[in-house]
């Protein structure tokens, strides 16, 4: 490893860091310091020694494998290849391998978005194999914040298309998915025996459930076509002494509404005047952010939570919570006192997966596949009042006059299509609109999805007496 370190420190290879690492290893091979069959350092060990992310080293090793300098053996590591020996097979292409084909089925669940496999399964399999190369000591000790810095740096890079204001790896904690991140922020913010949390009148149910779990009172804030009504927000904040507002301004769940910058600025001003903290949940966005986050607009009051559940996979339960200026110690304390942090292999997996160049391409492919299904839904249901966009993994459909959401959902389920009623997105004493949320299930074939949309269309066109008023 020392030869690689000295060659890397000397530099000489312009461009990205991964090319500098590859160049340093090639120099060690050319000078004979590394010979055919020698094992390269484990990805994580070399990354630690060089002070860079494991994803950067992994990309350098991939480059060396592609040009024939090295060869990788799953479960064993990466080795210097004898250039005189014939290449047994071409390097394995992970990027577009699809392990899980869409299912042809008549029963289609549209309760929650289902992410298609656009290569992430193969990439995760490869990353899991790389975990076996890690330093053994990492599997013997409690997680530490310093050891998790590469994972947090990978998240910072992942969030580069999100306007969060000044952001450093030390400003965040890793969480078990977005819901856990929401809980961490609420625990860091809420004080007193019966704190008050403000929620949009149509809202993600996880906000309410987490607030109630923490014995907080929840109060609904009226909305219009641009999101939360600022005047109502200020009135309710002062009336109830509210401490926290939970909102989703980029992709509102469930309606899909987008809150424009002017409205966000008005809401931020209310928060400044009243001392209200704002938690922004960005878990449902799969495209680039359109506007500044509340953390950027409100540096001392804006909290941010997101995950990879809708863009890559919910199976890994990788999420992240970002604190506003001056509050990261509160957020960190909650995580450390609550569960000591993620399991080390999970944090290492996050660093590897989010640090790989293929990952962004896979996320773009997931987004494109979601878009195909959204277009199919709009083609079938476009004659009805809907909120939708090609980069959102669900649609919000307002039922025609005379329909009731609960009864419609029952009729749809009888036809093999499961959708969510607006009733699930209001507070216990709220008045739900007659609407449904249709999530995109890209794990079924497009033909199966289109058939499901056709069945919904027939129900809307020809309502049985039992669901029509």
Protein backbone atom coordinates (compact mmCIF):
# COMPACT_ATOMS: atom_id res chain seq x y z
CA UNK A 1 0.00 0.00 0.00
CA UNK A 2 2.88 2.41 0.74
CA UNK A 3 3.95 2.45 -2.93
CA UNK A 4 0.40 3.37 -3.99
CA UNK A 5 0.22 6.09 -1.32
CA UNK A 6 3.49 7.73 -2.42
CA UNK A 7 2.55 7.59 -6.10
CA UNK A 8 -0.85 9.12 -5.33
CA UNK A 9 0.67 11.90 -3.22
CA UNK A 10 3.11 12.77 -6.04
CA UNK A 11 0.17 13.28 -8.37
CA UNK A 12 0.89 13.53 -12.04
CA UNK A 13 -2.46 12.24 -13.30
CA UNK A 14 -4.82 15.15 -14.03
CA UNK A 15 -8.56 14.90 -13.65
CA UNK A 16 -10.83 13.21 -11.11
CA UNK A 17 -9.49 11.48 -8.01
CA UNK A 18 -10.41 8.00 -9.21
CA UNK A 19 -8.10 8.46 -12.23
CA UNK A 20 -5.30 9.57 -9.89
CA UNK A 21 -5.77 6.40 -7.82
CA UNK A 22 -5.76 4.23 -10.94
CA UNK A 23 -2.65 6.04 -12.18
CA UNK A 24 -0.85 5.45 -8.89
CA UNK A 25 -1.61 1.72 -9.05
CA UNK A 26 -0.49 1.51 -12.68
CA UNK A 27 2.78 3.21 -11.69
CA UNK A 28 3.29 0.61 -8.94
CA UNK A 29 2.68 -2.15 -11.49
CA UNK A 30 4.99 -0.59 -14.10
CA UNK A 31 7.86 -0.22 -11.59
CA UNK A 32 7.45 -3.79 -10.36
CA UNK A 33 6.35 -2.79 -6.86
CA UNK A 34 3.18 -4.77 -7.59
CA UNK A 35 3.43 -7.94 -9.63
CA UNK A 36 0.99 -10.32 -11.31
CA UNK A 37 -1.23 -12.01 -8.76
CA UNK A 38 -0.65 -9.42 -6.03
CA UNK A 39 -3.83 -8.48 -4.21
CA UNK A 40 -4.73 -4.79 -4.22
CA UNK A 41 -5.68 -3.29 -0.84
CA UNK A 42 -9.34 -3.68 0.16
CA UNK A 43 -11.39 -0.78 -1.15
CA UNK A 44 -12.23 0.59 2.28
CA UNK A 45 -8.67 0.31 3.61
CA UNK A 46 -7.20 2.19 0.65
CA UNK A 47 -9.93 4.82 0.81
CA UNK A 48 -9.19 5.41 4.49
CA UNK A 49 -5.45 5.65 3.87
CA UNK A 50 -5.90 8.14 1.00
CA UNK A 51 -8.61 10.16 2.74
CA UNK A 52 -11.14 9.66 -0.06
CA UNK A 53 -14.47 7.86 -0.39
CA UNK A 54 -14.71 4.09 -0.97
CA UNK A 55 -16.75 4.84 -4.09
CA UNK A 56 -13.76 6.69 -5.58
CA UNK A 57 -11.47 3.71 -4.99
CA UNK A 58 -14.12 1.32 -6.32
CA UNK A 59 -14.34 3.35 -9.51
CA UNK A 60 -10.54 3.31 -9.86
CA UNK A 61 -10.53 -0.49 -9.49
CA UNK A 62 -13.28 -0.73 -12.12
CA UNK A 63 -11.13 1.36 -14.47
CA UNK A 64 -8.13 -0.90 -13.89
CA UNK A 65 -10.27 -3.94 -14.56
CA UNK A 66 -11.55 -2.45 -17.81
CA UNK A 67 -8.05 -1.71 -19.13
CA UNK A 68 -6.70 -5.14 -18.15
CA UNK A 69 -4.40 -4.01 -15.32
CA UNK A 70 -6.40 -5.86 -12.67
CA UNK A 71 -9.10 -8.48 -12.33
CA UNK A 72 -11.76 -8.81 -9.66
CA UNK A 73 -12.82 -12.02 -8.01
CA UNK A 74 -16.10 -11.89 -6.11
CA UNK A 75 -15.54 -12.66 -2.44
CA UNK A 76 -11.74 -12.59 -2.74
CA UNK A 77 -10.75 -9.13 -3.90
CA UNK A 78 -9.00 -7.38 -6.78
CA UNK A 79 -5.65 -8.65 -8.10
CA UNK A 80 -2.95 -7.44 -10.48
CA UNK A 81 -3.38 -9.32 -13.73
CA UNK A 82 -0.63 -10.86 -15.77
CA UNK A 83 -0.89 -8.77 -18.91
CA UNK A 84 0.74 -11.52 -20.95
CA UNK A 85 -2.03 -13.96 -20.03
CA UNK A 86 -5.17 -14.09 -22.19
CA UNK A 87 -8.28 -12.46 -20.78
CA UNK A 88 -10.77 -15.19 -19.91
CA UNK A 89 -13.80 -12.97 -20.37
CA UNK A 90 -14.76 -9.33 -20.81
CA UNK A 91 -15.32 -7.30 -17.64
CA UNK A 92 -18.79 -7.82 -16.28
CA UNK A 93 -21.14 -4.92 -17.06
CA UNK A 94 -23.14 -4.18 -13.96
CA UNK A 95 -24.88 -1.04 -15.13
CA UNK A 96 -27.77 -2.43 -17.11
CA UNK A 97 -28.08 -5.96 -15.81
CA UNK A 98 -31.66 -6.58 -14.74
CA UNK A 99 -32.14 -9.42 -12.27
CA UNK A 100 -35.86 -8.92 -11.64
CA UNK A 101 -38.13 -8.78 -14.68
CA UNK A 102 -41.57 -7.10 -14.42
CA UNK A 103 -44.36 -9.51 -13.48
CA UNK A 104 -47.35 -10.24 -15.70
CA UNK A 105 -50.32 -10.20 -13.33
CA UNK A 106 -54.01 -9.34 -13.19
CA UNK A 107 -53.94 -8.20 -9.54
CA UNK A 108 -52.04 -4.91 -9.38
CA UNK A 109 -51.20 -3.11 -6.13
CA UNK A 110 -51.01 0.65 -6.57
CA UNK A 111 -50.86 1.41 -2.84
CA UNK A 112 -47.21 2.53 -2.84
CA UNK A 113 -44.69 3.17 -5.63
CA UNK A 114 -42.85 0.03 -6.76
CA UNK A 115 -39.35 0.69 -8.08
CA UNK A 116 -38.30 -1.16 -11.26
CA UNK A 117 -35.00 -3.00 -11.43
CA UNK A 118 -32.84 -0.96 -13.80
CA UNK A 119 -29.55 -2.47 -12.70
CA UNK A 120 -29.51 -1.54 -9.02
CA UNK A 121 -29.98 -5.15 -7.90
CA UNK A 122 -26.77 -6.19 -9.69
CA UNK A 123 -24.97 -3.13 -8.37
CA UNK A 124 -26.06 -3.90 -4.80
CA UNK A 125 -25.03 -7.54 -5.19
CA UNK A 126 -21.60 -6.33 -6.31
CA UNK A 127 -21.38 -3.88 -3.41
CA UNK A 128 -22.27 -6.62 -0.94
CA UNK A 129 -19.44 -8.72 -2.34
CA UNK A 130 -17.09 -5.77 -1.86
CA UNK A 131 -18.05 -5.60 1.81
CA UNK A 132 -16.14 -8.84 2.28
CA UNK A 133 -12.95 -6.92 1.45
CA UNK A 134 -13.38 -4.53 4.38
CA UNK A 135 -11.10 -4.38 7.39
CA UNK A 136 -12.14 -7.13 9.87
CA UNK A 137 -11.99 -4.70 12.79
CA UNK A 138 -14.99 -2.84 11.35
CA UNK A 139 -17.09 -5.89 12.15
CA UNK A 140 -15.97 -6.06 15.79
CA UNK A 141 -16.64 -2.56 17.13
CA UNK A 142 -19.53 -0.19 17.69
CA UNK A 143 -20.28 2.20 14.83
CA UNK A 144 -18.56 5.58 15.07
CA UNK A 145 -19.32 8.93 13.49
CA UNK A 146 -15.79 9.26 12.12
CA UNK A 147 -15.96 5.86 10.45
CA UNK A 148 -19.26 6.78 8.81
CA UNK A 149 -17.95 9.99 7.25
CA UNK A 150 -17.39 8.33 3.81
CA UNK A 151 -21.08 7.36 3.76
CA UNK A 152 -22.18 10.89 4.69
CA UNK A 153 -19.86 12.34 2.03
CA UNK A 154 -21.47 10.04 -0.51
CA UNK A 155 -24.89 11.38 0.56
CA UNK A 156 -23.67 14.98 0.15
CA UNK A 157 -22.64 14.14 -3.41
CA UNK A 158 -25.97 12.37 -3.98
CA UNK A 159 -27.80 15.54 -2.88
CA UNK A 160 -25.78 17.80 -5.18
CA UNK A 161 -28.88 18.58 -7.27
CA UNK A 162 -30.80 19.77 -4.19
CA UNK A 163 -30.60 23.41 -3.07
CA UNK A 164 -29.93 22.86 0.64
CA UNK A 165 -27.66 25.83 1.32
CA UNK A 166 -24.13 25.25 2.68
CA UNK A 167 -23.89 21.51 3.36
CA UNK A 168 -21.13 19.43 4.92
CA UNK A 169 -21.02 15.75 5.77
CA UNK A 170 -21.07 16.71 9.44
CA UNK A 171 -24.48 18.39 9.07
CA UNK A 172 -26.38 15.10 8.77
CA UNK A 173 -27.04 11.73 10.29
CA UNK A 174 -27.86 8.50 8.51
CA UNK A 175 -31.22 6.96 9.29
CA UNK A 176 -33.18 3.78 8.71
CA UNK A 177 -35.17 5.23 5.82
CA UNK A 178 -37.11 8.48 5.65
CA UNK A 179 -39.62 7.61 8.36
CA UNK A 180 -36.84 7.08 10.89
CA UNK A 181 -35.33 10.39 9.77
CA UNK A 182 -38.65 12.12 10.46
CA UNK A 183 -38.68 10.62 13.94
CA UNK A 184 -35.12 11.78 14.61
CA UNK A 185 -35.97 15.37 13.65
CA UNK A 186 -39.15 15.40 15.76
CA UNK A 187 -37.23 14.13 18.78
CA UNK A 188 -34.56 16.79 18.25
CA UNK A 189 -37.12 19.61 17.97
CA UNK A 190 -40.14 18.87 20.17
CA UNK A 191 -40.13 19.98 23.80
CA UNK A 192 -42.63 19.83 26.65
CA UNK A 193 -45.31 17.37 27.69
CA UNK A 194 -47.74 18.07 24.84
CA UNK A 195 -45.98 19.79 21.93
CA UNK A 196 -47.93 20.75 18.81
CA UNK A 197 -46.99 19.69 15.28
CA UNK A 198 -48.62 21.37 12.27
CA UNK A 199 -49.43 19.22 9.24
CA UNK A 200 -50.90 20.00 5.84
CA UNK A 201 -54.63 19.24 5.74
CA UNK A 202 -53.81 16.46 3.27
CA UNK A 203 -50.59 14.88 4.47
CA UNK A 204 -48.32 11.87 4.54
CA UNK A 205 -49.75 9.59 7.29
CA UNK A 206 -46.27 8.90 8.66
CA UNK A 207 -46.06 12.49 9.96
CA UNK A 208 -49.17 12.03 12.07
CA UNK A 209 -48.20 8.57 13.30
CA UNK A 210 -44.73 9.66 14.37
CA UNK A 211 -46.05 12.79 16.10
CA UNK A 212 -48.64 10.78 18.00
CA UNK A 213 -46.01 8.19 18.94
CA UNK A 214 -44.06 11.04 20.55
CA UNK A 215 -47.25 12.21 22.34
CA UNK A 216 -47.52 15.38 20.28
CA UNK A 217 -50.78 17.01 19.26
CA UNK A 218 -51.32 17.40 15.52
CA UNK A 219 -53.16 20.32 13.90
CA UNK A 220 -54.09 20.60 10.21
CA UNK A 221 -53.17 23.72 8.21
CA UNK A 222 -55.39 24.72 5.24
CA UNK A 223 -53.96 24.47 1.73
CA UNK A 224 -54.64 25.96 -1.69
CA UNK A 225 -53.25 25.20 -5.15
CA UNK A 226 -49.74 26.35 -4.12
CA UNK A 227 -49.58 24.49 -0.83
CA UNK A 228 -49.87 25.77 2.74
CA UNK A 229 -51.78 29.06 3.21
CA UNK A 230 -49.30 31.40 5.00
CA UNK A 231 -51.95 33.44 6.87
CA UNK A 232 -53.53 30.28 8.29
CA UNK A 233 -50.09 28.95 9.19
CA UNK A 234 -49.23 32.03 11.24
CA UNK A 235 -52.60 32.09 12.97
CA UNK A 236 -52.43 28.40 13.97
CA UNK A 237 -48.77 28.62 15.02
CA UNK A 238 -49.54 31.43 17.45
CA UNK A 239 -52.86 29.96 18.59
CA UNK A 240 -51.37 26.57 19.51
CA UNK A 241 -47.78 27.52 20.29
CA UNK A 242 -46.72 25.07 17.56
CA UNK A 243 -43.09 24.02 17.43
CA UNK A 244 -42.81 22.19 14.11
CA UNK A 245 -44.37 22.22 10.63
CA UNK A 246 -44.05 19.10 8.47
CA UNK A 247 -44.37 19.66 4.73
CA UNK A 248 -43.40 18.30 1.30
CA UNK A 249 -43.04 21.31 -1.02
CA UNK A 250 -41.30 19.64 -3.98
CA UNK A 251 -43.60 16.65 -4.45
CA UNK A 252 -46.52 16.87 -2.06
CA UNK A 253 -47.78 13.53 -0.82
CA UNK A 254 -50.53 12.70 -1.75
CA UNK A 255 -51.63 15.42 -4.18
CA UNK A 256 -48.39 15.86 -6.16
CA UNK A 257 -48.64 19.66 -5.79
CA UNK A 258 -45.50 21.79 -6.08
CA UNK A 259 -45.01 24.83 -3.84
CA UNK A 260 -43.46 27.69 -5.85
CA UNK A 261 -40.63 29.83 -4.52
CA UNK A 262 -42.78 32.88 -3.71
CA UNK A 263 -45.04 30.79 -1.46
CA UNK A 264 -42.05 29.12 0.20
CA UNK A 265 -40.60 32.54 0.98
CA UNK A 266 -43.88 33.62 2.60
CA UNK A 267 -43.92 30.46 4.72
CA UNK A 268 -40.27 31.00 5.67
CA UNK A 269 -41.12 34.53 6.84
CA UNK A 270 -43.87 33.14 9.07
CA UNK A 271 -41.36 30.72 10.58
CA UNK A 272 -38.89 33.56 11.24
CA UNK A 273 -41.51 35.68 12.96
CA UNK A 274 -42.86 32.87 15.14
CA UNK A 275 -39.77 30.70 15.75
CA UNK A 276 -41.46 27.76 14.00
CA UNK A 277 -39.17 24.93 12.84
CA UNK A 278 -39.87 23.37 9.41
CA UNK A 279 -39.29 19.73 8.52
CA UNK A 280 -39.17 19.15 4.75
CA UNK A 281 -39.80 15.58 3.63
CA UNK A 282 -38.33 15.06 0.14
CA UNK A 283 -38.61 11.27 -0.07
CA UNK A 284 -40.99 11.17 -3.05
CA UNK A 285 -38.91 13.27 -5.42
CA UNK A 286 -37.14 11.17 -8.08
CA UNK A 287 -36.06 14.03 -10.38
CA UNK A 288 -33.98 17.15 -9.82
CA UNK A 289 -35.26 19.68 -7.29
CA UNK A 290 -37.03 22.65 -8.88
CA UNK A 291 -36.62 25.19 -6.08
CA UNK A 292 -34.71 26.04 -2.94
CA UNK A 293 -35.39 23.92 0.12
CA UNK A 294 -36.54 25.40 3.43
CA UNK A 295 -33.08 24.65 4.78
CA UNK A 296 -31.64 27.06 2.19
CA UNK A 297 -34.37 29.65 2.73
CA UNK A 298 -34.39 29.30 6.50
CA UNK A 299 -30.84 28.30 7.57
CA UNK A 300 -31.58 28.26 11.31
CA UNK A 301 -35.04 26.65 11.18
CA UNK A 302 -35.05 24.30 8.16
CA UNK A 303 -34.65 20.52 8.58
CA UNK A 304 -34.48 18.14 5.63
CA UNK A 305 -35.21 14.41 5.32
CA UNK A 306 -34.93 12.13 2.31
CA UNK A 307 -34.01 8.56 1.33
CA UNK A 308 -33.26 6.33 -1.65
CA UNK A 309 -36.50 4.37 -1.26
CA UNK A 310 -38.26 5.83 -4.32
CA UNK A 311 -35.21 6.46 -6.52
CA UNK A 312 -33.31 3.17 -6.02
CA UNK A 313 -34.78 0.76 -3.47
CA UNK A 314 -36.66 0.79 -0.16
CA UNK A 315 -35.15 -2.55 0.83
CA UNK A 316 -31.90 -1.13 2.22
CA UNK A 317 -33.71 1.41 4.49
CA UNK A 318 -31.10 4.08 3.80
CA UNK A 319 -32.23 7.58 4.68
CA UNK A 320 -30.66 10.80 5.87
CA UNK A 321 -31.68 13.73 8.03
CA UNK A 322 -29.99 17.13 7.65
CA UNK A 323 -29.98 19.67 10.47
CA UNK A 324 -30.14 23.48 10.17
CA UNK A 325 -27.27 25.68 11.27
CA UNK A 326 -26.42 25.22 14.94
CA UNK A 327 -28.66 22.17 15.48
CA UNK A 328 -26.59 19.22 14.24
CA UNK A 329 -25.52 18.35 17.81
CA UNK A 330 -29.19 17.92 18.77
CA UNK A 331 -29.83 15.66 15.79
CA UNK A 332 -26.68 13.65 16.39
CA UNK A 333 -27.53 13.19 20.07
CA UNK A 334 -30.94 11.74 19.23
CA UNK A 335 -29.43 9.23 16.80
CA UNK A 336 -26.58 8.20 19.09
CA UNK A 337 -28.77 7.89 22.17
CA UNK A 338 -31.55 6.16 20.24
CA UNK A 339 -29.70 3.42 18.33
CA UNK A 340 -25.95 4.22 18.21
CA UNK A 341 -26.18 4.70 14.44
CA UNK A 342 -26.68 2.34 11.51
CA UNK A 343 -25.05 -1.06 11.39
CA UNK A 344 -21.52 -0.65 10.03
CA UNK A 345 -22.10 -2.90 6.98
CA UNK A 346 -25.18 -0.85 6.06
CA UNK A 347 -23.25 2.43 6.26
CA UNK A 348 -20.44 0.91 4.20
CA UNK A 349 -22.99 -0.30 1.67
CA UNK A 350 -24.48 3.20 1.45
CA UNK A 351 -21.02 4.68 0.83
CA UNK A 352 -20.31 2.15 -1.90
CA UNK A 353 -23.67 2.32 -3.69
CA UNK A 354 -24.09 6.11 -3.55
CA UNK A 355 -20.44 6.64 -4.50
CA UNK A 356 -20.61 4.60 -7.69
CA UNK A 357 -20.91 6.50 -11.00
CA UNK A 358 -23.40 3.91 -12.29
CA UNK A 359 -25.85 4.74 -9.51
CA UNK A 360 -26.92 8.08 -10.96
CA UNK A 361 -27.43 6.47 -14.36
CA UNK A 362 -29.55 3.78 -12.74
CA UNK A 363 -31.60 6.40 -10.89
CA UNK A 364 -32.16 8.18 -14.22
CA UNK A 365 -33.30 4.89 -15.75
CA UNK A 366 -35.71 4.33 -12.84
CA UNK A 367 -37.11 7.81 -13.42
CA UNK A 368 -37.52 7.14 -17.15
CA UNK A 369 -39.31 3.87 -16.44
CA UNK A 370 -41.67 5.55 -13.97
CA UNK A 371 -42.36 8.12 -16.69
CA UNK A 372 -43.50 5.43 -19.14
CA UNK A 373 -46.05 4.18 -16.62
CA UNK A 374 -47.23 7.69 -15.76
CA UNK A 375 -47.87 8.38 -19.44
CA UNK A 376 -49.85 5.13 -19.70
CA UNK A 377 -52.01 6.18 -16.74
CA UNK A 378 -52.62 9.65 -18.19
CA UNK A 379 -53.52 8.16 -21.57
CA UNK A 380 -56.16 6.01 -19.89
CA UNK A 381 -57.49 8.50 -17.32
CA UNK A 382 -56.64 11.86 -18.86
CA UNK A 383 -60.28 12.86 -19.23
CA UNK A 384 -60.58 13.21 -15.46
CA UNK A 385 -59.20 15.85 -13.09
CA UNK A 386 -55.70 14.75 -12.12
CA UNK A 387 -52.44 16.11 -10.76
CA UNK A 388 -49.43 14.37 -12.26
CA UNK A 389 -45.91 14.81 -13.63
CA UNK A 390 -43.65 12.35 -15.41
CA UNK A 391 -41.03 12.46 -12.65
CA UNK A 392 -43.47 11.72 -9.80
CA UNK A 393 -44.22 8.11 -8.84
CA UNK A 394 -47.96 8.61 -8.32
CA UNK A 395 -51.02 10.50 -9.58
CA UNK A 396 -53.79 12.23 -7.65
CA UNK A 397 -57.23 11.76 -9.20
CA UNK A 398 -60.25 13.77 -8.12
CA UNK A 399 -63.36 11.64 -8.55
CA UNK A 400 -66.23 13.06 -10.58
CA UNK A 401 -69.16 14.52 -8.69
CA UNK A 402 -71.21 11.86 -6.95
CA UNK A 403 -68.41 9.42 -6.24
CA UNK A 404 -67.15 8.45 -2.75
CA UNK A 405 -63.48 7.52 -2.44
CA UNK A 406 -63.85 4.65 0.04
CA UNK A 407 -66.51 2.87 -1.99
CA UNK A 408 -64.59 3.45 -5.21
CA UNK A 409 -61.46 1.85 -3.69
CA UNK A 410 -63.53 -1.20 -2.67
CA UNK A 411 -64.93 -1.53 -6.19
CA UNK A 412 -61.43 -1.16 -7.69
CA UNK A 413 -60.07 -3.85 -5.39
CA UNK A 414 -62.84 -6.18 -6.50
CA UNK A 415 -61.48 -5.61 -10.03
CA UNK A 416 -57.94 -6.50 -8.90
CA UNK A 417 -56.63 -2.93 -8.58
CA UNK A 418 -55.61 -1.53 -5.18
CA UNK A 419 -55.49 2.27 -4.79
CA UNK A 420 -55.48 4.58 -1.77
CA UNK A 421 -58.42 6.69 -0.70
CA UNK A 422 -58.01 10.34 0.29
CA UNK A 423 -59.35 9.29 3.71
CA UNK A 424 -55.90 7.90 4.56
CA UNK A 425 -54.24 11.32 4.14
CA UNK A 426 -56.37 13.48 6.46
CA UNK A 427 -56.21 13.88 10.22
CA UNK A 428 -58.70 11.94 12.32
CA UNK A 429 -61.21 14.79 12.39
CA UNK A 430 -60.51 15.98 8.83
CA UNK A 431 -62.95 16.09 5.92
CA UNK A 432 -61.39 14.14 3.03
CA UNK A 433 -62.04 15.14 -0.59
CA UNK A 434 -63.48 12.58 -2.99
CA UNK A 435 -60.13 11.61 -4.49
CA UNK A 436 -57.67 8.72 -4.75
CA UNK A 437 -53.93 8.33 -5.04
CA UNK A 438 -52.67 6.00 -7.77
CA UNK A 439 -49.07 4.92 -7.15
CA UNK A 440 -46.90 3.71 -10.02
CA UNK A 441 -46.06 0.01 -9.86
CA UNK A 442 -43.22 -0.53 -12.31
CA UNK A 443 -42.61 -4.07 -11.02
CA UNK A 444 -45.52 -5.32 -13.13
CA UNK A 445 -45.36 -5.28 -16.91
CA UNK A 446 -46.54 -2.17 -18.70
CA UNK A 447 -49.28 -4.30 -20.25
CA UNK A 448 -50.51 -5.37 -16.78
CA UNK A 449 -50.43 -1.75 -15.61
CA UNK A 450 -52.30 -0.52 -18.68
CA UNK A 451 -54.94 -3.21 -18.14
CA UNK A 452 -55.35 -2.02 -14.53
CA UNK A 453 -55.78 1.56 -15.76
CA UNK A 454 -58.42 0.32 -18.18
CA UNK A 455 -60.36 -1.28 -15.36
CA UNK A 456 -60.24 1.96 -13.35
CA UNK A 457 -61.45 3.85 -16.41
CA UNK A 458 -64.43 1.52 -16.83
CA UNK A 459 -65.37 2.01 -13.18
CA UNK A 460 -65.21 5.78 -13.60
CA UNK A 461 -67.22 5.69 -16.81
CA UNK A 462 -69.91 3.27 -15.63
CA UNK A 463 -70.31 3.50 -11.84
CA UNK A 464 -72.41 0.70 -10.32
CA UNK A 465 -75.34 1.90 -8.24
CA UNK A 466 -73.69 0.74 -5.03
CA UNK A 467 -70.89 3.33 -5.32
CA UNK A 468 -72.72 6.15 -7.05
CA UNK A 469 -74.84 8.62 -5.11
